[in-house]
Amino acid sequence: MEEADEAMVPHPVGGMPIAAYPPLPPFADHDLQLQQTTTRTAVIQGGETRRQVEALAHHAAAAQQRTAEQLGQRQQDRLAAKTSEYLQAQHERQSALLEQQQEMRRQMEEHRQYLEEQYRLLKAAEEAVGLQGKRLESLAEGVQPHLQARWGAFA
């Protein structure tokens, strides 16, 4: 009989230890030979088949649990990746809109400066025209007595 190591579970009735390794292939109700990756073998008599089935069921349940956990993890990973892609696209759209907004502000500032310059030029022209108008009025007032004296008879 083989010595039990830490990877083997002792049989409660004092029989051969049962290996606690990954699930074994299906078997019939007769003597089986189990082979481990360490190449140790154990022979299980037909009477111990039920215990072996229970061990296999336990291993199968554990494997199913691991599979479900792995599937859940993959789904979470995919969801995280999709969320990351969505957030990255959202960030890029927001950045593009911010750039457009800044460009519009720059153009509006240029236009405001242009309008202020036009207003300043119009004000200067208005003052020049007003000054010219005052000069003409004062010239007319200064010339009027001469015109009346000279052309008064015809007026």
Protein backbone atom coordinates (compact mmCIF):
# COMPACT_ATOMS: atom_id res chain seq x y z
CA MET A 1 0.00 0.00 0.00
CA GLU A 2 1.20 3.53 -0.79
CA GLU A 3 1.99 6.16 1.80
CA ALA A 4 -0.49 9.07 1.86
CA ASP A 5 0.96 12.47 1.03
CA GLU A 6 -0.55 15.95 1.54
CA ALA A 7 -2.36 15.73 -1.81
CA MET A 8 -4.20 12.55 -0.90
CA VAL A 9 -7.25 12.18 1.31
CA PRO A 10 -7.17 9.11 3.61
CA HIS A 11 -10.04 6.68 3.28
CA PRO A 12 -12.16 6.81 6.48
CA VAL A 13 -12.47 3.01 6.75
CA GLY A 14 -8.73 2.49 6.52
CA GLY A 15 -8.53 1.71 2.80
CA MET A 16 -6.34 3.31 0.19
CA PRO A 17 -6.01 7.09 0.24
CA ILE A 18 -8.03 8.90 -2.43
CA ALA A 19 -6.09 11.41 -4.54
CA ALA A 20 -7.36 14.99 -4.35
CA TYR A 21 -6.31 15.88 -7.86
CA PRO A 22 -8.28 17.15 -10.88
CA PRO A 23 -11.30 15.06 -11.96
CA LEU A 24 -10.67 11.63 -13.40
CA PRO A 25 -12.25 10.19 -16.54
CA PRO A 26 -15.51 8.22 -16.25
CA PHE A 27 -15.15 4.62 -15.10
CA ALA A 28 -17.15 1.41 -14.77
CA ASP A 29 -18.17 -0.43 -11.60
CA HIS A 30 -15.05 -2.60 -11.54
CA ASP A 31 -11.45 -2.14 -10.47
CA LEU A 32 -9.92 1.08 -11.74
CA GLN A 33 -6.39 2.27 -12.07
CA LEU A 34 -5.96 5.99 -11.43
CA GLN A 35 -2.91 7.73 -12.79
CA GLN A 36 -1.65 11.06 -11.51
CA THR A 37 0.70 13.50 -13.11
CA THR A 38 3.34 12.34 -10.63
CA THR A 39 2.85 8.89 -12.15
CA ARG A 40 1.71 7.43 -8.83
CA THR A 41 -1.06 4.92 -9.21
CA ALA A 42 -3.69 3.59 -6.88
CA VAL A 43 -6.00 0.66 -7.36
CA ILE A 44 -9.53 1.14 -6.10
CA GLN A 45 -11.65 -1.89 -5.44
CA GLY A 46 -15.24 -2.00 -6.72
CA GLY A 47 -16.60 -1.39 -3.20
CA GLU A 48 -14.91 1.98 -3.05
CA THR A 49 -16.54 3.17 -6.26
CA ARG A 50 -19.19 5.16 -4.41
CA ARG A 51 -16.57 7.11 -2.48
CA GLN A 52 -14.68 7.74 -5.70
CA VAL A 53 -17.89 8.95 -7.34
CA GLU A 54 -18.42 11.35 -4.43
CA ALA A 55 -14.87 12.62 -4.78
CA LEU A 56 -15.35 13.05 -8.51
CA ALA A 57 -18.65 14.84 -7.92
CA HIS A 58 -16.85 17.16 -5.50
CA HIS A 59 -14.13 17.81 -8.08
CA ALA A 60 -16.74 18.38 -10.79
CA ALA A 61 -18.61 20.85 -8.59
CA ALA A 62 -15.36 22.66 -7.83
CA ALA A 63 -14.49 22.75 -11.53
CA GLN A 64 -17.97 24.05 -12.35
CA GLN A 65 -17.58 26.74 -9.68
CA ARG A 66 -14.19 27.75 -11.10
CA THR A 67 -15.67 27.83 -14.60
CA ALA A 68 -18.56 30.02 -13.43
CA GLU A 69 -16.11 32.33 -11.65
CA GLN A 70 -13.90 32.52 -14.73
CA LEU A 71 -16.91 33.22 -16.93
CA GLY A 72 -18.07 35.93 -14.53
CA GLN A 73 -14.57 37.41 -14.49
CA ARG A 74 -14.40 37.42 -18.30
CA GLN A 75 -17.80 39.10 -18.49
CA GLN A 76 -16.63 41.70 -15.98
CA ASP A 77 -13.43 42.20 -17.97
CA ARG A 78 -15.41 42.67 -21.20
CA LEU A 79 -17.78 45.09 -19.49
CA ALA A 80 -14.82 47.00 -18.06
CA ALA A 81 -13.19 47.15 -21.51
CA LYS A 82 -16.43 48.34 -23.16
CA THR A 83 -16.93 50.90 -20.40
CA SER A 84 -13.37 52.08 -20.84
CA GLU A 85 -13.86 52.39 -24.63
CA TYR A 86 -17.11 54.31 -24.11
CA LEU A 87 -15.53 56.67 -21.60
CA GLN A 88 -12.52 57.22 -23.88
CA ALA A 89 -14.81 58.05 -26.82
CA GLN A 90 -16.86 60.35 -24.59
CA HIS A 91 -13.67 62.09 -23.45
CA GLU A 92 -12.52 62.54 -27.06
CA ARG A 93 -15.91 64.01 -28.06
CA GLN A 94 -15.85 66.34 -25.08
CA SER A 95 -12.29 67.41 -25.90
CA ALA A 96 -13.30 68.11 -29.52
CA LEU A 97 -16.28 70.19 -28.36
CA LEU A 98 -14.05 72.11 -25.97
CA GLU A 99 -11.62 72.85 -28.81
CA GLN A 100 -14.51 74.07 -30.99
CA GLN A 101 -15.75 76.26 -28.17
CA GLN A 102 -12.30 77.76 -27.66
CA GLU A 103 -11.98 78.42 -31.41
CA MET A 104 -15.38 80.14 -31.43
CA ARG A 105 -14.34 82.30 -28.46
CA ARG A 106 -11.13 83.24 -30.27
CA GLN A 107 -13.06 84.20 -33.41
CA MET A 108 -15.62 86.16 -31.39
CA GLU A 109 -12.79 88.04 -29.64
CA GLU A 110 -11.20 88.87 -33.01
CA HIS A 111 -14.58 90.09 -34.30
CA ARG A 112 -15.13 92.18 -31.16
CA GLN A 113 -11.72 93.79 -31.58
CA TYR A 114 -12.48 94.48 -35.26
CA LEU A 115 -15.81 96.10 -34.35
CA GLU A 116 -14.17 98.21 -31.65
CA GLU A 117 -11.59 99.40 -34.18
CA GLN A 118 -14.36 100.24 -36.69
CA TYR A 119 -16.27 102.12 -33.99
CA ARG A 120 -13.14 104.05 -33.03
CA LEU A 121 -12.53 104.96 -36.70
CA LEU A 122 -16.16 106.06 -37.15
CA LYS A 123 -15.96 108.20 -34.01
CA ALA A 124 -12.76 109.81 -35.29
CA ALA A 125 -14.40 110.41 -38.69
CA GLU A 126 -17.50 111.85 -36.99
CA GLU A 127 -15.36 114.22 -34.97
CA ALA A 128 -13.46 115.26 -38.10
CA VAL A 129 -16.71 115.83 -40.01
CA GLY A 130 -18.17 117.71 -37.04
CA LEU A 131 -15.07 119.88 -36.80
CA GLN A 132 -15.18 120.48 -40.54
CA GLY A 133 -18.88 121.38 -40.25
CA LYS A 134 -18.13 123.89 -37.50
CA ARG A 135 -15.38 125.44 -39.61
CA LEU A 136 -17.78 125.75 -42.53
CA GLU A 137 -20.41 127.35 -40.29
CA SER A 138 -17.93 129.81 -38.85
CA LEU A 139 -16.64 130.54 -42.35
CA ALA A 140 -20.20 131.08 -43.53
CA GLU A 141 -20.86 133.39 -40.59
CA GLY A 142 -17.66 135.28 -41.32
CA VAL A 143 -18.37 135.63 -45.04
CA GLN A 144 -22.08 136.39 -44.75
CA PRO A 145 -21.71 140.11 -43.92
CA HIS A 146 -19.47 140.54 -46.96
CA LEU A 147 -21.89 138.64 -49.14
CA GLN A 148 -24.84 140.65 -47.93
CA ALA A 149 -23.01 143.88 -48.49
CA ARG A 150 -21.92 142.89 -51.90
CA TRP A 151 -24.91 140.93 -53.07
CA GLY A 152 -27.48 142.38 -50.72
CA ALA A 153 -29.38 144.06 -53.44
CA PHE A 154 -29.88 140.75 -55.22
CA ALA A 155 -30.72 138.72 -52.18
